N, C-alpha and C. Protein backbone atom coordinates (compact mmCIF):
# COMPACT_ATOMS: atom_id res chain seq x y z
N MET A 1 -51.33 19.14 135.53
CA MET A 1 -52.11 17.92 135.96
C MET A 1 -51.39 16.71 135.44
N LYS A 2 -51.36 15.67 136.29
CA LYS A 2 -51.00 14.39 135.95
C LYS A 2 -51.98 13.32 136.14
N ARG A 3 -51.98 12.32 135.35
CA ARG A 3 -53.04 11.27 135.52
C ARG A 3 -52.39 9.93 135.40
N LEU A 4 -52.72 9.06 136.37
CA LEU A 4 -52.23 7.70 136.50
C LEU A 4 -53.25 6.69 136.38
N ILE A 5 -53.23 5.84 135.30
CA ILE A 5 -54.26 4.80 134.96
C ILE A 5 -53.58 3.52 135.39
N LEU A 6 -54.29 2.79 136.27
CA LEU A 6 -53.91 1.40 136.58
C LEU A 6 -54.81 0.46 136.03
N ILE A 7 -54.35 -0.51 135.35
CA ILE A 7 -55.01 -1.56 134.85
C ILE A 7 -54.48 -2.94 135.16
N ARG A 8 -55.32 -3.67 135.86
CA ARG A 8 -55.04 -5.05 136.34
C ARG A 8 -55.05 -5.96 135.20
N HIS A 9 -54.07 -6.95 134.98
CA HIS A 9 -54.15 -7.84 133.98
C HIS A 9 -55.37 -8.65 133.92
N GLY A 10 -55.75 -9.16 132.72
CA GLY A 10 -56.96 -9.94 132.64
C GLY A 10 -56.86 -11.40 133.24
N LYS A 11 -57.97 -12.18 133.11
CA LYS A 11 -57.97 -13.51 133.75
C LYS A 11 -56.93 -14.39 132.99
N ALA A 12 -56.14 -14.99 133.87
CA ALA A 12 -54.95 -15.91 133.33
C ALA A 12 -55.37 -17.34 133.67
N GLU A 13 -54.51 -18.17 133.01
CA GLU A 13 -54.56 -19.64 133.20
C GLU A 13 -54.25 -19.88 134.61
N ASP A 14 -54.71 -21.10 135.14
CA ASP A 14 -54.29 -21.48 136.56
C ASP A 14 -52.87 -21.76 136.43
N GLY A 15 -52.21 -21.65 137.63
CA GLY A 15 -50.85 -22.09 137.67
C GLY A 15 -50.66 -23.58 137.70
N THR A 16 -49.73 -24.08 137.00
CA THR A 16 -49.44 -25.54 137.02
C THR A 16 -47.86 -25.78 137.33
N SER A 17 -47.44 -26.95 137.48
CA SER A 17 -46.10 -27.22 137.67
C SER A 17 -45.22 -27.05 136.43
N GLU A 18 -45.97 -27.11 135.25
CA GLU A 18 -45.21 -26.85 133.97
C GLU A 18 -45.00 -25.49 133.60
N ILE A 19 -45.96 -24.66 134.14
CA ILE A 19 -46.06 -23.17 133.83
C ILE A 19 -45.74 -22.28 135.07
N SER A 20 -44.65 -21.48 135.01
CA SER A 20 -44.51 -20.54 136.18
C SER A 20 -45.53 -19.46 136.28
N ASP A 21 -45.56 -18.92 137.45
CA ASP A 21 -46.51 -17.76 137.57
C ASP A 21 -46.29 -16.67 136.51
N PHE A 22 -45.00 -16.45 136.35
CA PHE A 22 -44.47 -15.41 135.38
C PHE A 22 -44.97 -15.70 134.01
N GLU A 23 -45.07 -16.97 133.50
CA GLU A 23 -45.35 -17.32 132.20
C GLU A 23 -46.81 -17.56 131.93
N ARG A 24 -47.68 -17.42 132.88
CA ARG A 24 -49.12 -17.71 132.72
C ARG A 24 -49.68 -16.77 131.62
N SER A 25 -50.38 -17.30 130.78
CA SER A 25 -51.09 -16.48 129.66
C SER A 25 -52.53 -16.13 129.97
N LEU A 26 -53.08 -15.25 129.31
CA LEU A 26 -54.50 -14.96 129.50
C LEU A 26 -55.36 -16.17 128.87
N THR A 27 -56.49 -16.32 129.57
CA THR A 27 -57.41 -17.28 129.00
C THR A 27 -58.11 -16.61 127.84
N GLU A 28 -58.83 -17.51 127.07
CA GLU A 28 -59.66 -16.87 126.00
C GLU A 28 -60.63 -15.83 126.49
N LYS A 29 -61.35 -16.21 127.50
CA LYS A 29 -62.30 -15.24 128.13
C LYS A 29 -61.53 -13.94 128.63
N GLY A 30 -60.28 -14.12 129.14
CA GLY A 30 -59.54 -13.01 129.58
C GLY A 30 -59.23 -12.06 128.48
N LYS A 31 -58.78 -12.65 127.34
CA LYS A 31 -58.55 -11.81 126.09
C LYS A 31 -59.80 -11.14 125.61
N VAL A 32 -60.91 -11.73 125.62
CA VAL A 32 -62.19 -11.08 125.15
C VAL A 32 -62.46 -9.92 126.00
N ILE A 33 -62.48 -10.25 127.37
CA ILE A 33 -62.82 -9.10 128.37
C ILE A 33 -61.71 -7.91 128.30
N ALA A 34 -60.57 -8.28 128.02
CA ALA A 34 -59.50 -7.26 127.73
C ALA A 34 -59.88 -6.25 126.62
N HIS A 35 -60.34 -6.94 125.55
CA HIS A 35 -60.64 -6.17 124.40
C HIS A 35 -61.77 -5.37 124.71
N HIS A 36 -62.84 -5.82 125.37
CA HIS A 36 -64.02 -5.10 125.79
C HIS A 36 -63.61 -3.85 126.69
N MET A 37 -62.75 -4.14 127.66
CA MET A 37 -62.36 -3.01 128.64
C MET A 37 -61.50 -2.03 127.88
N ALA A 38 -60.75 -2.49 126.97
CA ALA A 38 -59.94 -1.30 126.13
C ALA A 38 -60.94 -0.53 125.27
N LEU A 39 -61.97 -1.05 124.73
CA LEU A 39 -62.82 -0.35 124.10
C LEU A 39 -63.67 0.61 124.92
N ARG A 40 -63.97 0.24 126.09
CA ARG A 40 -64.67 1.06 127.08
C ARG A 40 -63.77 2.20 127.39
N LEU A 41 -62.36 1.91 127.67
CA LEU A 41 -61.47 2.92 128.02
C LEU A 41 -61.30 3.94 126.81
N LYS A 42 -61.33 3.42 125.51
CA LYS A 42 -61.17 4.26 124.39
C LYS A 42 -62.36 5.21 124.28
N GLU A 43 -63.54 4.80 124.81
CA GLU A 43 -64.76 5.83 124.83
C GLU A 43 -64.49 7.02 125.76
N ILE A 44 -63.54 6.93 126.65
CA ILE A 44 -63.21 7.97 127.69
C ILE A 44 -61.95 8.70 127.31
N GLU A 45 -61.00 7.94 126.91
CA GLU A 45 -59.59 8.48 126.60
C GLU A 45 -59.26 8.53 125.17
N LYS A 46 -58.76 9.64 124.64
CA LYS A 46 -58.34 9.68 123.25
C LYS A 46 -56.94 9.04 123.21
N SER A 47 -56.12 8.99 124.28
CA SER A 47 -54.92 8.43 124.31
C SER A 47 -54.52 7.85 125.75
N PRO A 48 -53.96 6.72 125.83
CA PRO A 48 -53.66 6.24 127.22
C PRO A 48 -52.19 6.82 127.63
N GLY A 49 -51.68 7.64 126.87
CA GLY A 49 -50.46 8.30 127.29
C GLY A 49 -49.21 7.25 127.17
N VAL A 50 -48.35 7.16 128.09
CA VAL A 50 -47.23 6.20 128.06
C VAL A 50 -47.75 4.94 128.64
N LEU A 51 -47.46 3.80 127.96
CA LEU A 51 -47.96 2.47 128.49
C LEU A 51 -46.72 1.79 129.01
N MET A 52 -46.84 1.28 130.29
CA MET A 52 -45.74 0.50 131.06
C MET A 52 -46.41 -0.64 131.62
N THR A 53 -45.83 -1.80 131.46
CA THR A 53 -46.28 -3.03 131.88
C THR A 53 -45.28 -3.95 132.70
N SER A 54 -45.81 -4.76 133.54
CA SER A 54 -45.12 -5.82 134.21
C SER A 54 -44.70 -6.77 132.95
N PRO A 55 -43.53 -7.42 133.08
CA PRO A 55 -43.11 -8.38 132.04
C PRO A 55 -43.83 -9.66 132.20
N ALA A 56 -44.60 -10.00 133.29
CA ALA A 56 -45.24 -11.21 133.39
C ALA A 56 -46.22 -11.31 132.14
N PHE A 57 -46.24 -12.48 131.59
CA PHE A 57 -46.92 -12.65 130.32
C PHE A 57 -48.34 -12.15 130.24
N ARG A 58 -49.13 -12.43 131.33
CA ARG A 58 -50.56 -12.16 131.34
C ARG A 58 -50.69 -10.57 131.32
N ALA A 59 -49.83 -9.87 131.99
CA ALA A 59 -49.94 -8.38 131.98
C ALA A 59 -49.43 -7.84 130.56
N LEU A 60 -48.37 -8.38 130.15
CA LEU A 60 -47.93 -7.93 128.66
C LEU A 60 -48.92 -8.20 127.76
N GLU A 61 -49.61 -9.35 127.76
CA GLU A 61 -50.78 -9.59 126.80
C GLU A 61 -51.84 -8.60 126.87
N THR A 62 -52.23 -8.20 128.18
CA THR A 62 -53.24 -7.25 128.43
C THR A 62 -52.85 -5.85 127.84
N ALA A 63 -51.56 -5.41 128.14
CA ALA A 63 -51.04 -4.20 127.56
C ALA A 63 -51.11 -4.14 126.14
N ILE A 64 -50.77 -5.28 125.39
CA ILE A 64 -50.65 -5.32 123.95
C ILE A 64 -52.07 -5.26 123.38
N ILE A 65 -53.01 -5.81 124.10
CA ILE A 65 -54.41 -5.72 123.63
C ILE A 65 -54.90 -4.22 123.64
N PHE A 66 -54.67 -3.68 124.82
CA PHE A 66 -55.10 -2.31 124.87
C PHE A 66 -54.33 -1.36 124.02
N ALA A 67 -53.07 -1.58 123.72
CA ALA A 67 -52.22 -0.80 122.85
C ALA A 67 -52.90 -0.96 121.40
N GLY A 68 -53.33 -2.13 121.06
CA GLY A 68 -53.83 -2.45 119.73
C GLY A 68 -55.09 -1.64 119.56
N GLU A 69 -55.97 -1.56 120.62
CA GLU A 69 -57.18 -0.81 120.53
C GLU A 69 -56.97 0.67 120.29
N PHE A 70 -55.99 1.16 120.74
CA PHE A 70 -55.55 2.56 120.70
C PHE A 70 -54.68 2.86 119.58
N ARG A 71 -54.36 1.78 118.70
CA ARG A 71 -53.61 1.91 117.56
C ARG A 71 -52.15 2.35 117.91
N THR A 72 -51.67 1.81 119.06
CA THR A 72 -50.24 2.09 119.58
C THR A 72 -49.44 0.92 119.24
N SER A 73 -48.32 1.21 118.73
CA SER A 73 -47.40 0.00 118.33
C SER A 73 -47.06 -0.82 119.79
N PRO A 74 -47.08 -2.11 119.59
CA PRO A 74 -46.61 -2.94 120.72
C PRO A 74 -45.23 -2.63 121.24
N ASP A 75 -44.34 -2.05 120.19
CA ASP A 75 -43.03 -1.77 120.59
C ASP A 75 -42.88 -0.51 121.46
N ALA A 76 -44.05 0.32 121.54
CA ALA A 76 -44.18 1.45 122.30
C ALA A 76 -44.46 1.19 123.89
N VAL A 77 -44.87 -0.09 124.24
CA VAL A 77 -45.18 -0.47 125.47
C VAL A 77 -43.78 -0.73 126.12
N ILE A 78 -43.66 -0.14 127.25
CA ILE A 78 -42.38 -0.28 128.08
C ILE A 78 -42.59 -1.43 129.14
N MET A 79 -41.64 -2.30 129.21
CA MET A 79 -41.55 -3.38 130.16
C MET A 79 -40.85 -2.89 131.38
N ASN A 80 -41.27 -3.00 132.62
CA ASN A 80 -40.55 -2.60 133.75
C ASN A 80 -40.77 -3.72 134.74
N SER A 81 -39.76 -4.43 135.12
CA SER A 81 -39.67 -5.59 135.90
C SER A 81 -40.19 -5.16 137.31
N ASN A 82 -40.00 -3.98 137.68
CA ASN A 82 -40.41 -3.54 139.11
C ASN A 82 -41.96 -3.72 139.31
N LEU A 83 -42.61 -3.60 138.23
CA LEU A 83 -44.10 -3.80 138.16
C LEU A 83 -44.59 -5.27 138.58
N TYR A 84 -43.63 -6.14 138.40
CA TYR A 84 -43.91 -7.56 138.86
C TYR A 84 -43.14 -7.91 140.16
N PHE A 85 -41.88 -7.52 140.24
CA PHE A 85 -41.10 -8.03 141.37
C PHE A 85 -41.25 -7.06 142.71
N LYS A 86 -41.37 -5.78 142.38
CA LYS A 86 -41.17 -4.81 143.54
C LYS A 86 -42.36 -3.85 143.64
N MET A 87 -43.48 -3.98 143.08
CA MET A 87 -44.46 -2.87 143.00
C MET A 87 -45.15 -2.79 144.34
N SER A 88 -45.19 -1.68 144.80
CA SER A 88 -46.00 -1.25 146.05
C SER A 88 -46.04 0.32 146.03
N TYR A 89 -46.79 0.86 146.93
CA TYR A 89 -46.88 2.26 147.05
C TYR A 89 -45.42 2.78 147.40
N ARG A 90 -44.69 2.20 148.25
CA ARG A 90 -43.46 2.56 148.74
C ARG A 90 -42.46 2.73 147.49
N ASN A 91 -42.51 1.91 146.44
CA ASN A 91 -41.75 1.87 145.42
C ASN A 91 -42.14 2.61 144.18
N LEU A 92 -43.46 3.16 144.32
CA LEU A 92 -44.02 3.92 143.18
C LEU A 92 -43.06 5.22 142.85
N PRO A 93 -42.55 5.96 143.84
CA PRO A 93 -41.80 7.18 143.38
C PRO A 93 -40.54 6.74 142.57
N ALA A 94 -40.01 5.70 142.73
CA ALA A 94 -38.70 5.22 141.92
C ALA A 94 -39.29 4.92 140.44
N LEU A 95 -40.33 4.27 140.44
CA LEU A 95 -40.94 4.00 138.99
C LEU A 95 -41.34 5.27 138.29
N LEU A 96 -41.95 6.16 139.04
CA LEU A 96 -42.40 7.50 138.39
C LEU A 96 -41.17 8.33 138.06
N SER A 97 -40.06 8.14 138.69
CA SER A 97 -38.87 9.01 138.37
C SER A 97 -38.33 8.63 136.97
N THR A 98 -38.79 7.56 136.44
CA THR A 98 -38.32 7.15 135.11
C THR A 98 -39.14 7.66 133.92
N ILE A 99 -40.15 8.42 134.36
CA ILE A 99 -41.23 8.96 133.46
C ILE A 99 -40.88 10.45 133.09
N GLU A 100 -40.76 10.82 131.78
CA GLU A 100 -40.53 12.23 131.48
C GLU A 100 -41.58 13.12 131.99
N GLU A 101 -41.11 14.27 132.50
CA GLU A 101 -42.06 15.17 133.17
C GLU A 101 -43.07 15.79 132.14
N ASP A 102 -42.83 15.80 130.76
CA ASP A 102 -43.89 16.42 130.01
C ASP A 102 -45.03 15.32 129.73
N THR A 103 -44.78 14.08 130.24
CA THR A 103 -45.86 13.10 130.13
C THR A 103 -46.93 13.42 131.12
N GLU A 104 -48.24 13.60 130.59
CA GLU A 104 -49.38 13.88 131.36
C GLU A 104 -50.06 12.64 131.83
N THR A 105 -50.17 11.62 131.01
CA THR A 105 -50.83 10.42 131.43
C THR A 105 -49.96 9.19 131.35
N LEU A 106 -49.92 8.37 132.48
CA LEU A 106 -49.15 7.13 132.50
C LEU A 106 -50.15 6.02 132.71
N THR A 107 -50.10 4.99 131.81
CA THR A 107 -50.94 3.84 132.04
C THR A 107 -50.01 2.66 132.50
N LEU A 108 -50.39 2.00 133.61
CA LEU A 108 -49.55 0.96 134.16
C LEU A 108 -50.32 -0.34 134.11
N PHE A 109 -49.71 -1.41 133.68
CA PHE A 109 -50.34 -2.83 133.57
C PHE A 109 -49.64 -3.65 134.67
N GLY A 110 -50.45 -4.20 135.53
CA GLY A 110 -49.81 -4.98 136.61
C GLY A 110 -50.81 -5.87 137.32
N HIS A 111 -50.49 -5.89 138.64
CA HIS A 111 -50.99 -7.00 139.41
C HIS A 111 -51.63 -6.57 140.80
N ASN A 112 -52.54 -7.31 141.37
CA ASN A 112 -52.93 -7.19 142.78
C ASN A 112 -52.05 -8.03 143.64
N PRO A 113 -51.93 -7.74 144.91
CA PRO A 113 -52.59 -6.70 145.72
C PRO A 113 -52.00 -5.38 145.45
N SER A 114 -50.86 -5.17 144.75
CA SER A 114 -50.16 -3.94 144.81
C SER A 114 -51.00 -2.74 144.18
N PHE A 115 -51.76 -3.09 143.03
CA PHE A 115 -52.45 -2.02 142.38
C PHE A 115 -53.59 -1.46 143.25
N THR A 116 -54.23 -2.37 144.00
CA THR A 116 -55.31 -1.95 144.93
C THR A 116 -54.68 -1.14 146.01
N GLU A 117 -53.65 -1.51 146.64
CA GLU A 117 -52.94 -0.77 147.66
C GLU A 117 -52.47 0.53 147.06
N ILE A 118 -51.94 0.67 146.10
CA ILE A 118 -51.55 1.94 145.45
C ILE A 118 -52.62 2.90 145.29
N ALA A 119 -53.69 2.40 144.74
CA ALA A 119 -55.03 3.19 144.46
C ALA A 119 -55.53 3.63 145.85
N ASN A 120 -55.54 2.95 146.77
CA ASN A 120 -56.08 3.17 148.11
C ASN A 120 -55.16 4.26 148.69
N SER A 121 -53.87 4.14 148.55
CA SER A 121 -52.97 5.18 149.17
C SER A 121 -53.03 6.45 148.49
N LEU A 122 -53.28 6.47 147.13
CA LEU A 122 -53.33 7.75 146.41
C LEU A 122 -54.51 8.50 146.43
N CYS A 123 -55.64 7.81 146.64
CA CYS A 123 -57.03 8.59 146.59
C CYS A 123 -57.59 8.95 147.91
N LYS A 124 -57.92 10.07 148.07
CA LYS A 124 -58.70 10.48 149.30
C LYS A 124 -59.77 9.52 149.65
N GLU A 125 -60.58 9.29 148.70
CA GLU A 125 -61.83 8.44 148.94
C GLU A 125 -61.47 7.02 148.96
N GLY A 126 -60.28 6.52 148.74
CA GLY A 126 -59.92 5.11 148.78
C GLY A 126 -60.45 4.40 147.42
N CYS A 127 -60.39 3.11 147.35
CA CYS A 127 -60.71 2.38 146.19
C CYS A 127 -61.09 0.92 146.59
N ASP A 128 -62.15 0.54 145.73
CA ASP A 128 -62.47 -0.85 145.98
C ASP A 128 -61.40 -1.73 145.51
N PHE A 129 -61.61 -2.98 145.71
CA PHE A 129 -60.63 -4.07 145.17
C PHE A 129 -60.68 -3.94 143.63
N ILE A 130 -59.47 -3.85 142.98
CA ILE A 130 -59.48 -3.81 141.49
C ILE A 130 -59.61 -5.30 141.01
N PRO A 131 -60.68 -5.50 140.21
CA PRO A 131 -60.86 -6.87 139.68
C PRO A 131 -59.88 -6.99 138.53
N LYS A 132 -59.79 -8.32 137.97
CA LYS A 132 -59.10 -8.60 136.79
C LYS A 132 -59.62 -7.70 135.71
N THR A 133 -58.81 -7.06 134.96
CA THR A 133 -58.97 -6.18 133.86
C THR A 133 -59.82 -4.88 134.31
N GLY A 134 -59.79 -4.60 135.62
CA GLY A 134 -60.34 -3.40 136.01
C GLY A 134 -59.46 -2.24 135.76
N VAL A 135 -60.01 -0.99 135.59
CA VAL A 135 -59.25 0.18 135.17
C VAL A 135 -59.62 1.25 136.12
N ILE A 136 -58.60 1.90 136.80
CA ILE A 136 -58.90 3.16 137.60
C ILE A 136 -57.90 4.22 137.11
N CYS A 137 -58.51 5.40 136.91
CA CYS A 137 -57.79 6.62 136.64
C CYS A 137 -57.88 7.49 137.76
N ILE A 138 -56.62 7.93 138.16
CA ILE A 138 -56.42 8.87 139.39
C ILE A 138 -55.74 10.11 138.82
N SER A 139 -56.31 11.33 139.06
CA SER A 139 -55.70 12.55 138.65
C SER A 139 -55.14 13.21 139.85
N PHE A 140 -54.09 14.12 139.56
CA PHE A 140 -53.35 14.85 140.54
C PHE A 140 -53.24 16.24 140.01
N LYS A 141 -53.42 17.28 140.90
CA LYS A 141 -53.19 18.73 140.48
C LYS A 141 -51.76 19.05 140.82
N ILE A 142 -50.82 18.56 140.00
CA ILE A 142 -49.36 18.82 140.27
C ILE A 142 -48.76 19.04 138.91
N MET A 143 -47.49 19.39 138.94
CA MET A 143 -46.84 19.65 137.81
C MET A 143 -45.63 18.56 137.49
N THR A 144 -45.32 17.85 138.54
CA THR A 144 -44.13 16.81 138.30
C THR A 144 -44.63 15.59 139.03
N TRP A 145 -44.19 14.52 138.51
CA TRP A 145 -44.49 13.15 138.98
C TRP A 145 -43.97 13.02 140.53
N SER A 146 -42.95 13.65 140.81
CA SER A 146 -42.33 13.49 142.19
C SER A 146 -43.31 14.23 143.23
N GLN A 147 -44.26 15.01 142.86
CA GLN A 147 -45.08 15.75 143.67
C GLN A 147 -46.27 14.86 144.27
N ILE A 148 -46.36 13.70 143.74
CA ILE A 148 -47.46 12.65 144.17
C ILE A 148 -47.22 12.26 145.64
N THR A 149 -48.25 12.43 146.47
CA THR A 149 -48.17 12.04 147.88
C THR A 149 -49.36 11.27 148.27
N PRO A 150 -49.42 10.61 149.42
CA PRO A 150 -50.52 10.01 149.82
C PRO A 150 -51.74 10.87 149.95
N SER A 151 -52.94 10.20 149.46
CA SER A 151 -54.24 10.92 149.37
C SER A 151 -54.25 12.17 148.54
N SER A 152 -53.36 12.40 147.66
CA SER A 152 -53.25 13.56 146.81
C SER A 152 -54.03 13.49 145.53
N GLY A 153 -54.47 12.21 145.19
CA GLY A 153 -55.21 12.00 143.97
C GLY A 153 -56.71 11.92 144.18
N LYS A 154 -57.42 12.08 143.02
CA LYS A 154 -58.78 11.99 142.95
C LYS A 154 -59.19 10.95 141.86
N THR A 155 -60.13 10.07 142.11
CA THR A 155 -60.58 9.07 141.17
C THR A 155 -61.39 9.81 140.16
N GLU A 156 -61.00 9.67 139.03
CA GLU A 156 -61.72 10.20 137.80
C GLU A 156 -62.78 9.24 137.35
N TYR A 157 -62.35 7.88 137.21
CA TYR A 157 -63.31 6.87 137.00
C TYR A 157 -62.72 5.55 137.40
N PHE A 158 -63.56 4.62 137.54
CA PHE A 158 -63.22 3.20 137.90
C PHE A 158 -64.08 2.21 137.11
N LEU A 159 -63.44 1.68 136.16
CA LEU A 159 -64.27 0.76 135.21
C LEU A 159 -64.02 -0.76 135.65
N LYS A 160 -65.01 -1.38 135.78
CA LYS A 160 -65.04 -2.83 136.16
C LYS A 160 -65.68 -3.64 135.10
N PRO A 161 -65.14 -4.83 134.83
CA PRO A 161 -65.75 -5.70 133.73
C PRO A 161 -67.09 -6.16 134.04
C-alpha cells in the first residue's frame, strides 16, 4: 500500500511589485492555521513519511511548520522545484520516480490548481477544491509508486481548516 498526502500551502501575503510570487511568505494567520492543521494531522498520522515541498517560500514555511509538529528535522524536508514550476497530474510520475520504493507515505507541499487537479485525477470519487492549508490523503493498493494510475486511489481523509 502507498499513501500520498497533499498539503496546500497556508495563507500567504498578497503579491506586490517588491516581492515576487516565489518569495511570498505566510501571513501570521497562515502560520497559526498551519500549526493547527499540523496538529490535526498528527492526531491521525504517527508519521507523515517523506516530506517534499515546492521551494516557493510559503510552501517551504508550511512544510517546516508541519515537520516541526512531527519532530522532523527541517533538513529532512526535500525541496523539489517541479512542485512549483511543473506540477500537474501529467508530471506526477516523474516526481514519484524519485521516491524510494520502500517509502509507504509521501507528503507533498505545494499549490493549487495543480493539487486539486491531481487529487481529482487520482480519486475515483473526485475531490473538492483544496483550500489553503487543506490536507488530503489518498491511498493506493499497489506495491510501487509507478503503479499509480488515474482513479486508482481512495480518499482516506480530507481535512479543511
